[in-house]
N, C-alpha and C. Protein backbone atom coordinates (compact mmCIF):
# COMPACT_ATOMS: atom_id res chain seq x y z
N MET A 1 14.33 -18.31 -86.15
CA MET A 1 13.72 -17.36 -85.21
C MET A 1 13.78 -15.96 -85.81
N ASN A 2 12.72 -15.22 -85.61
CA ASN A 2 12.76 -13.83 -86.04
C ASN A 2 13.37 -12.98 -84.92
N ALA A 3 13.56 -11.69 -85.17
CA ALA A 3 14.23 -10.81 -84.21
C ALA A 3 13.50 -10.76 -82.87
N GLN A 4 12.18 -10.72 -82.89
CA GLN A 4 11.40 -10.66 -81.65
C GLN A 4 11.60 -11.95 -80.84
N GLU A 5 11.59 -13.08 -81.49
CA GLU A 5 11.79 -14.36 -80.81
C GLU A 5 13.20 -14.47 -80.23
N ILE A 6 14.18 -13.99 -80.98
CA ILE A 6 15.56 -14.00 -80.49
C ILE A 6 15.69 -13.11 -79.25
N ASN A 7 15.12 -11.91 -79.32
CA ASN A 7 15.16 -11.01 -78.15
C ASN A 7 14.53 -11.65 -76.93
N LYS A 8 13.38 -12.27 -77.13
CA LYS A 8 12.68 -12.91 -76.02
C LYS A 8 13.52 -14.04 -75.43
N ALA A 9 14.12 -14.85 -76.30
CA ALA A 9 14.94 -15.97 -75.83
C ALA A 9 16.15 -15.47 -75.05
N ILE A 10 16.80 -14.43 -75.53
CA ILE A 10 17.96 -13.88 -74.82
C ILE A 10 17.55 -13.34 -73.46
N LEU A 11 16.48 -12.58 -73.42
CA LEU A 11 16.03 -11.99 -72.16
C LEU A 11 15.66 -13.06 -71.13
N GLU A 12 15.12 -14.18 -71.59
CA GLU A 12 14.68 -15.24 -70.68
C GLU A 12 15.80 -16.21 -70.31
N SER A 13 16.95 -16.12 -70.97
CA SER A 13 18.03 -17.07 -70.76
C SER A 13 18.97 -16.65 -69.64
N ASP A 14 19.44 -17.64 -68.91
CA ASP A 14 20.44 -17.38 -67.86
C ASP A 14 21.85 -17.41 -68.43
N LEU A 15 22.06 -18.12 -69.51
CA LEU A 15 23.39 -18.29 -70.09
C LEU A 15 23.26 -18.27 -71.61
N ILE A 16 24.11 -17.48 -72.25
CA ILE A 16 24.08 -17.33 -73.70
C ILE A 16 25.36 -17.90 -74.29
N ILE A 17 25.25 -18.69 -75.35
CA ILE A 17 26.41 -19.18 -76.09
C ILE A 17 26.42 -18.42 -77.41
N SER A 18 27.52 -17.69 -77.66
CA SER A 18 27.57 -16.86 -78.86
C SER A 18 29.00 -16.57 -79.29
N ARG A 19 29.11 -15.90 -80.42
CA ARG A 19 30.39 -15.38 -80.87
C ARG A 19 30.77 -14.23 -79.95
N SER A 20 32.04 -13.87 -79.99
CA SER A 20 32.52 -12.80 -79.10
C SER A 20 32.77 -11.50 -79.84
N GLY A 21 31.82 -11.14 -80.68
CA GLY A 21 31.90 -9.86 -81.38
C GLY A 21 31.61 -8.71 -80.42
N TYR A 22 32.16 -7.56 -80.73
CA TYR A 22 32.05 -6.40 -79.86
C TYR A 22 30.59 -6.04 -79.56
N SER A 23 29.75 -5.96 -80.60
CA SER A 23 28.37 -5.54 -80.36
C SER A 23 27.60 -6.58 -79.54
N THR A 24 27.89 -7.86 -79.75
CA THR A 24 27.25 -8.90 -78.95
C THR A 24 27.66 -8.77 -77.49
N ILE A 25 28.95 -8.56 -77.27
CA ILE A 25 29.44 -8.39 -75.89
C ILE A 25 28.78 -7.19 -75.24
N MET A 26 28.66 -6.10 -75.96
CA MET A 26 28.04 -4.89 -75.39
C MET A 26 26.56 -5.15 -75.05
N ASP A 27 25.87 -5.86 -75.93
CA ASP A 27 24.46 -6.19 -75.65
C ASP A 27 24.34 -7.05 -74.40
N LEU A 28 25.16 -8.08 -74.30
CA LEU A 28 25.09 -8.97 -73.14
C LEU A 28 25.51 -8.27 -71.86
N ALA A 29 26.47 -7.35 -71.96
CA ALA A 29 26.88 -6.57 -70.79
C ALA A 29 25.74 -5.68 -70.33
N GLN A 30 25.06 -5.04 -71.26
CA GLN A 30 23.93 -4.17 -70.91
C GLN A 30 22.81 -4.97 -70.23
N LEU A 31 22.63 -6.20 -70.66
CA LEU A 31 21.57 -7.04 -70.11
C LEU A 31 22.00 -7.78 -68.84
N GLY A 32 23.30 -7.73 -68.52
CA GLY A 32 23.79 -8.40 -67.32
C GLY A 32 23.75 -9.92 -67.44
N LYS A 33 24.07 -10.43 -68.62
CA LYS A 33 23.98 -11.87 -68.88
C LYS A 33 25.29 -12.60 -68.62
N ARG A 34 25.19 -13.89 -68.41
CA ARG A 34 26.34 -14.79 -68.37
C ARG A 34 26.48 -15.36 -69.77
N ALA A 35 27.74 -15.66 -70.16
CA ALA A 35 27.96 -16.11 -71.54
C ALA A 35 29.10 -17.11 -71.64
N ILE A 36 28.99 -17.90 -72.70
CA ILE A 36 30.10 -18.73 -73.17
C ILE A 36 30.37 -18.19 -74.58
N PHE A 37 31.62 -17.80 -74.82
CA PHE A 37 31.97 -17.26 -76.13
C PHE A 37 32.75 -18.27 -76.95
N VAL A 38 32.41 -18.32 -78.23
CA VAL A 38 33.09 -19.17 -79.20
C VAL A 38 33.54 -18.21 -80.31
N PRO A 39 34.78 -17.71 -80.21
CA PRO A 39 35.23 -16.74 -81.22
C PRO A 39 35.21 -17.32 -82.62
N THR A 40 34.88 -16.48 -83.59
CA THR A 40 34.93 -16.90 -84.99
C THR A 40 36.39 -17.14 -85.38
N PRO A 41 36.70 -18.32 -85.90
CA PRO A 41 38.08 -18.59 -86.30
C PRO A 41 38.58 -17.54 -87.31
N GLY A 42 39.82 -17.08 -87.10
CA GLY A 42 40.40 -16.09 -88.00
C GLY A 42 39.98 -14.66 -87.72
N GLN A 43 39.25 -14.44 -86.63
CA GLN A 43 38.83 -13.09 -86.24
C GLN A 43 39.60 -12.70 -84.98
N PRO A 44 40.78 -12.09 -85.13
CA PRO A 44 41.62 -11.81 -83.97
C PRO A 44 40.97 -10.93 -82.92
N GLU A 45 40.08 -10.01 -83.34
CA GLU A 45 39.43 -9.16 -82.35
C GLU A 45 38.48 -9.97 -81.46
N GLN A 46 37.79 -10.95 -82.05
CA GLN A 46 36.92 -11.81 -81.25
C GLN A 46 37.74 -12.69 -80.33
N GLU A 47 38.84 -13.22 -80.82
CA GLU A 47 39.71 -14.05 -79.99
C GLU A 47 40.28 -13.23 -78.83
N TYR A 48 40.69 -12.00 -79.11
CA TYR A 48 41.24 -11.12 -78.08
C TYR A 48 40.19 -10.82 -77.00
N LEU A 49 38.99 -10.42 -77.44
CA LEU A 49 37.94 -10.07 -76.47
C LEU A 49 37.54 -11.27 -75.62
N ALA A 50 37.41 -12.43 -76.23
CA ALA A 50 37.04 -13.63 -75.47
C ALA A 50 38.12 -13.97 -74.45
N GLU A 51 39.38 -13.87 -74.85
CA GLU A 51 40.48 -14.16 -73.93
C GLU A 51 40.51 -13.16 -72.78
N LYS A 52 40.31 -11.90 -73.09
CA LYS A 52 40.30 -10.86 -72.06
C LYS A 52 39.18 -11.09 -71.04
N LEU A 53 38.00 -11.42 -71.52
CA LEU A 53 36.87 -11.66 -70.62
C LEU A 53 37.08 -12.92 -69.78
N MET A 54 37.78 -13.90 -70.35
CA MET A 54 38.11 -15.10 -69.57
C MET A 54 39.09 -14.75 -68.45
N LYS A 55 40.12 -13.99 -68.78
CA LYS A 55 41.12 -13.60 -67.78
C LYS A 55 40.49 -12.79 -66.65
N GLU A 56 39.47 -12.01 -66.99
CA GLU A 56 38.78 -11.20 -65.98
C GLU A 56 37.69 -11.98 -65.24
N LYS A 57 37.55 -13.28 -65.57
CA LYS A 57 36.57 -14.18 -64.93
C LYS A 57 35.13 -13.72 -65.15
N ILE A 58 34.90 -13.11 -66.31
CA ILE A 58 33.55 -12.65 -66.66
C ILE A 58 32.82 -13.71 -67.48
N ALA A 59 33.51 -14.27 -68.49
CA ALA A 59 32.85 -15.24 -69.37
C ALA A 59 33.85 -16.29 -69.83
N PHE A 60 33.39 -17.52 -69.88
CA PHE A 60 34.21 -18.62 -70.37
C PHE A 60 34.24 -18.57 -71.89
N SER A 61 35.34 -19.02 -72.46
CA SER A 61 35.48 -19.07 -73.91
C SER A 61 36.14 -20.38 -74.32
N MET A 62 35.75 -20.87 -75.48
CA MET A 62 36.33 -22.11 -75.99
C MET A 62 36.40 -21.99 -77.51
N PRO A 63 37.53 -22.41 -78.11
CA PRO A 63 37.65 -22.34 -79.57
C PRO A 63 36.63 -23.24 -80.27
N GLN A 64 36.22 -22.82 -81.44
CA GLN A 64 35.23 -23.57 -82.21
C GLN A 64 35.71 -24.98 -82.53
N ASP A 65 36.99 -25.13 -82.88
CA ASP A 65 37.48 -26.43 -83.32
C ASP A 65 37.58 -27.47 -82.21
N SER A 66 37.50 -27.01 -80.95
CA SER A 66 37.53 -27.96 -79.84
C SER A 66 36.33 -27.80 -78.91
N PHE A 67 35.27 -27.19 -79.44
CA PHE A 67 34.10 -26.90 -78.59
C PHE A 67 33.43 -28.19 -78.11
N ASN A 68 33.18 -28.23 -76.80
CA ASN A 68 32.50 -29.35 -76.17
C ASN A 68 31.47 -28.75 -75.23
N LEU A 69 30.20 -28.95 -75.52
CA LEU A 69 29.13 -28.29 -74.77
C LEU A 69 29.16 -28.64 -73.29
N GLN A 70 29.30 -29.91 -72.95
CA GLN A 70 29.30 -30.29 -71.53
C GLN A 70 30.47 -29.66 -70.79
N GLN A 71 31.64 -29.67 -71.40
CA GLN A 71 32.81 -29.07 -70.77
C GLN A 71 32.62 -27.55 -70.63
N ALA A 72 32.09 -26.92 -71.67
CA ALA A 72 31.88 -25.47 -71.62
C ALA A 72 30.89 -25.10 -70.51
N LEU A 73 29.81 -25.84 -70.40
CA LEU A 73 28.82 -25.55 -69.36
C LEU A 73 29.42 -25.75 -67.97
N SER A 74 30.21 -26.77 -67.81
CA SER A 74 30.86 -27.03 -66.53
C SER A 74 31.83 -25.91 -66.17
N GLN A 75 32.65 -25.52 -67.12
CA GLN A 75 33.64 -24.46 -66.88
C GLN A 75 32.98 -23.10 -66.66
N ALA A 76 31.90 -22.84 -67.37
CA ALA A 76 31.23 -21.53 -67.30
C ALA A 76 30.71 -21.23 -65.90
N ALA A 77 30.46 -22.25 -65.12
CA ALA A 77 29.93 -22.04 -63.77
C ALA A 77 30.87 -21.21 -62.89
N ALA A 78 32.16 -21.20 -63.23
CA ALA A 78 33.15 -20.47 -62.43
C ALA A 78 33.29 -19.00 -62.84
N TYR A 79 32.50 -18.57 -63.83
CA TYR A 79 32.61 -17.20 -64.33
C TYR A 79 31.38 -16.38 -63.92
N ALA A 80 31.64 -15.15 -63.49
CA ALA A 80 30.61 -14.32 -62.88
C ALA A 80 29.55 -13.79 -63.84
N GLY A 81 29.91 -13.60 -65.08
CA GLY A 81 28.99 -12.96 -66.02
C GLY A 81 29.12 -11.45 -65.92
N PHE A 82 28.36 -10.78 -66.75
CA PHE A 82 28.38 -9.32 -66.76
C PHE A 82 27.50 -8.78 -65.65
N THR A 83 27.94 -7.71 -65.05
CA THR A 83 27.15 -7.04 -64.03
C THR A 83 26.39 -5.91 -64.69
N ARG A 84 25.11 -5.90 -64.48
CA ARG A 84 24.29 -4.84 -65.07
C ARG A 84 24.68 -3.50 -64.51
N ARG A 85 24.74 -2.54 -65.38
CA ARG A 85 24.99 -1.16 -64.97
C ARG A 85 23.68 -0.57 -64.51
N ASN A 86 23.69 0.69 -64.23
CA ASN A 86 22.49 1.40 -63.80
C ASN A 86 21.34 1.16 -64.78
N GLU A 87 20.27 0.59 -64.30
CA GLU A 87 19.14 0.26 -65.17
C GLU A 87 18.30 1.48 -65.54
N ASN A 88 18.59 2.61 -64.96
CA ASN A 88 17.81 3.80 -65.23
C ASN A 88 18.42 4.69 -66.31
N THR A 89 19.36 4.16 -67.09
CA THR A 89 19.95 4.94 -68.16
C THR A 89 18.91 5.15 -69.25
N GLU A 90 19.12 6.17 -70.05
CA GLU A 90 18.21 6.45 -71.16
C GLU A 90 18.15 5.28 -72.13
N LEU A 91 19.30 4.65 -72.40
CA LEU A 91 19.31 3.50 -73.30
C LEU A 91 18.47 2.36 -72.74
N SER A 92 18.62 2.08 -71.46
CA SER A 92 17.83 1.01 -70.84
C SER A 92 16.34 1.30 -70.93
N LYS A 93 15.98 2.54 -70.71
CA LYS A 93 14.57 2.92 -70.80
C LYS A 93 14.04 2.74 -72.21
N ALA A 94 14.83 3.16 -73.20
CA ALA A 94 14.41 3.04 -74.59
C ALA A 94 14.27 1.58 -75.01
N VAL A 95 15.21 0.73 -74.59
CA VAL A 95 15.14 -0.69 -74.92
C VAL A 95 13.91 -1.31 -74.28
N LYS A 96 13.64 -0.97 -73.02
CA LYS A 96 12.47 -1.52 -72.35
C LYS A 96 11.19 -1.13 -73.07
N VAL A 97 11.07 0.13 -73.48
CA VAL A 97 9.88 0.59 -74.20
C VAL A 97 9.74 -0.18 -75.50
N LEU A 98 10.83 -0.34 -76.25
CA LEU A 98 10.80 -1.06 -77.51
C LEU A 98 10.37 -2.51 -77.32
N LEU A 99 10.95 -3.16 -76.31
CA LEU A 99 10.59 -4.55 -76.05
C LEU A 99 9.13 -4.69 -75.60
N ASP A 100 8.67 -3.75 -74.79
CA ASP A 100 7.27 -3.78 -74.35
C ASP A 100 6.32 -3.61 -75.53
N GLU A 101 6.71 -2.78 -76.48
CA GLU A 101 5.86 -2.54 -77.65
C GLU A 101 5.77 -3.76 -78.56
N THR A 102 6.86 -4.57 -78.59
CA THR A 102 6.86 -5.73 -79.48
C THR A 102 6.22 -6.95 -78.85
N ASN A 103 5.96 -6.91 -77.57
CA ASN A 103 5.35 -8.09 -76.90
C ASN A 103 3.88 -8.00 -76.88
């Protein structure tokens, strides 16, 4: 998938399965998405962020070495996801303009 296709897929998705890197988390938070995080093994910051978001009941997380899609989807239902912030921020406006231009 190219960048435009990835953006479209993320925007249209109700649930995202991804790594728990800081920039990914920030993107999903801005979009108000629900997520399942699979931290990259050996990346303590990703493991920390995924664990913190699980404790806060925002996003489910499962280690890569024991990842089970059916179990993850079942468990993720109990997590609220990110709550969108004010949609009228300058960043939100700029992202919307950019996405509109690429469609």
